[in-house]
């Protein structure tokens, strides 16, 4: 029984070591890729000025009203 327990502990440490080494290599690879892209393509990581949706104030008011109505209806349905 003691021999099996020792083998299990050894196998556990080998497995944990392999996972640790793989994750460490993954962190190094991602860091190197990030550094490489930042060095050779500096504009790739920067957001483009003027890009993206622009929210108008009346859209926000309509959105808030719709969310409020949905919450109210949900609470009414749940109470019945």
C-alpha atoms as a PDB file:
ATOM      1  CA  UNK A   1       0.000   0.000   0.000  1.00  0.00           C
ATOM      2  CA  UNK A   2       2.830   2.383   0.845  1.00  0.00           C
ATOM      3  CA  UNK A   3       4.484   1.752  -2.509  1.00  0.00           C
ATOM      4  CA  UNK A   4       1.280   2.640  -4.391  1.00  0.00           C
ATOM      5  CA  UNK A   5       0.873   5.784  -2.328  1.00  0.00           C
ATOM      6  CA  UNK A   6       4.455   6.819  -3.111  1.00  0.00           C
ATOM      7  CA  UNK A   7       3.896   6.147  -6.818  1.00  0.00           C
ATOM      8  CA  UNK A   8       0.736   8.236  -6.741  1.00  0.00           C
ATOM      9  CA  UNK A   9       2.520  11.160  -5.102  1.00  0.00           C
ATOM     10  CA  UNK A  10       5.360  10.880  -7.620  1.00  0.00           C
ATOM     11  CA  UNK A  11       2.902  10.835 -10.522  1.00  0.00           C
ATOM     12  CA  UNK A  12       1.079  13.843  -9.052  1.00  0.00           C
ATOM     13  CA  UNK A  13       4.278  15.886  -8.856  1.00  0.00           C
ATOM     14  CA  UNK A  14       5.313  14.892 -12.378  1.00  0.00           C
ATOM     15  CA  UNK A  15       1.892  15.940 -13.710  1.00  0.00           C
ATOM     16  CA  UNK A  16       1.926  19.221 -11.804  1.00  0.00           C
ATOM     17  CA  UNK A  17       5.454  19.908 -13.034  1.00  0.00           C
ATOM     18  CA  UNK A  18       4.462  19.313 -16.647  1.00  0.00           C
ATOM     19  CA  UNK A  19       1.459  21.625 -16.309  1.00  0.00           C
ATOM     20  CA  UNK A  20       3.599  24.300 -14.631  1.00  0.00           C
ATOM     21  CA  UNK A  21       6.251  24.128 -17.374  1.00  0.00           C
ATOM     22  CA  UNK A  22       3.582  24.319 -20.097  1.00  0.00           C
ATOM     23  CA  UNK A  23       1.897  27.330 -18.497  1.00  0.00           C
ATOM     24  CA  UNK A  24       5.256  29.064 -18.011  1.00  0.00           C
ATOM     25  CA  UNK A  25       6.095  28.497 -21.701  1.00  0.00           C
ATOM     26  CA  UNK A  26       2.662  29.830 -22.642  1.00  0.00           C
ATOM     27  CA  UNK A  27       3.211  33.017 -20.619  1.00  0.00           C
ATOM     28  CA  UNK A  28       6.625  33.519 -22.224  1.00  0.00           C
ATOM     29  CA  UNK A  29       5.215  32.943 -25.721  1.00  0.00           C
ATOM     30  CA  UNK A  30       2.320  35.372 -25.233  1.00  0.00           C
ATOM     31  CA  UNK A  31       4.640  37.993 -23.742  1.00  0.00           C
ATOM     32  CA  UNK A  32       7.063  37.662 -26.653  1.00  0.00           C
ATOM     33  CA  UNK A  33       4.255  37.916 -29.203  1.00  0.00           C
ATOM     34  CA  UNK A  34       2.875  40.999 -27.481  1.00  0.00           C
ATOM     35  CA  UNK A  35       6.308  42.602 -27.368  1.00  0.00           C
ATOM     36  CA  UNK A  36       6.951  41.737 -31.040  1.00  0.00           C
ATOM     37  CA  UNK A  37       3.650  43.172 -32.222  1.00  0.00           C
ATOM     38  CA  UNK A  38       4.122  46.287 -30.101  1.00  0.00           C
ATOM     39  CA  UNK A  39       7.604  46.798 -31.479  1.00  0.00           C
ATOM     40  CA  UNK A  40       6.966  46.227 -35.190  1.00  0.00           C
ATOM     41  CA  UNK A  41       3.327  47.297 -35.429  1.00  0.00           C
ATOM     42  CA  UNK A  42       2.861  50.007 -32.793  1.00  0.00           C
ATOM     43  CA  UNK A  43      -0.401  51.221 -34.303  1.00  0.00           C
ATOM     44  CA  UNK A  44      -1.989  47.750 -34.136  1.00  0.00           C
ATOM     45  CA  UNK A  45      -2.688  47.988 -30.426  1.00  0.00           C
ATOM     46  CA  UNK A  46      -3.966  51.573 -30.440  1.00  0.00           C
ATOM     47  CA  UNK A  47      -7.648  52.347 -30.902  1.00  0.00           C
ATOM     48  CA  UNK A  48      -8.513  54.323 -33.997  1.00  0.00           C
ATOM     49  CA  UNK A  49      -9.696  57.856 -33.249  1.00  0.00           C
ATOM     50  CA  UNK A  50     -13.340  58.330 -34.134  1.00  0.00           C
ATOM     51  CA  UNK A  51     -14.015  54.618 -34.429  1.00  0.00           C
ATOM     52  CA  UNK A  52     -16.851  52.902 -32.623  1.00  0.00           C
ATOM     53  CA  UNK A  53     -20.481  53.720 -32.064  1.00  0.00           C
ATOM     54  CA  UNK A  54     -21.432  57.081 -30.658  1.00  0.00           C
ATOM     55  CA  UNK A  55     -24.314  57.046 -28.207  1.00  0.00           C
ATOM     56  CA  UNK A  56     -26.704  59.960 -28.380  1.00  0.00           C
ATOM     57  CA  UNK A  57     -28.289  61.189 -25.141  1.00  0.00           C
ATOM     58  CA  UNK A  58     -31.833  60.387 -26.262  1.00  0.00           C
ATOM     59  CA  UNK A  59     -30.742  56.820 -27.033  1.00  0.00           C
ATOM     60  CA  UNK A  60     -29.570  56.503 -23.447  1.00  0.00           C
ATOM     61  CA  UNK A  61     -32.917  57.742 -22.129  1.00  0.00           C
ATOM     62  CA  UNK A  62     -34.792  55.286 -24.331  1.00  0.00           C
ATOM     63  CA  UNK A  63     -32.499  52.469 -23.254  1.00  0.00           C
ATOM     64  CA  UNK A  64     -32.991  53.266 -19.572  1.00  0.00           C
ATOM     65  CA  UNK A  65     -36.765  53.358 -20.054  1.00  0.00           C
ATOM     66  CA  UNK A  66     -36.733  49.998 -21.864  1.00  0.00           C
ATOM     67  CA  UNK A  67     -34.607  48.383 -19.154  1.00  0.00           C
ATOM     68  CA  UNK A  68     -36.885  49.774 -16.461  1.00  0.00           C
ATOM     69  CA  UNK A  69     -39.973  48.432 -18.237  1.00  0.00           C
ATOM     70  CA  UNK A  70     -38.367  45.016 -18.627  1.00  0.00           C
ATOM     71  CA  UNK A  71     -37.458  44.861 -14.937  1.00  0.00           C
ATOM     72  CA  UNK A  72     -40.971  45.929 -13.949  1.00  0.00           C
ATOM     73  CA  UNK A  73     -42.558  43.261 -16.159  1.00  0.00           C
ATOM     74  CA  UNK A  74     -40.158  40.602 -14.882  1.00  0.00           C
ATOM     75  CA  UNK A  75     -41.000  41.411 -11.267  1.00  0.00           C
ATOM     76  CA  UNK A  76     -44.727  41.340 -12.012  1.00  0.00           C
ATOM     77  CA  UNK A  77     -44.415  37.925 -13.702  1.00  0.00           C
ATOM     78  CA  UNK A  78     -42.345  36.527 -10.837  1.00  0.00           C
ATOM     79  CA  UNK A  79     -44.756  37.740  -8.148  1.00  0.00           C
ATOM     80  CA  UNK A  80     -47.753  35.899  -9.682  1.00  0.00           C
END
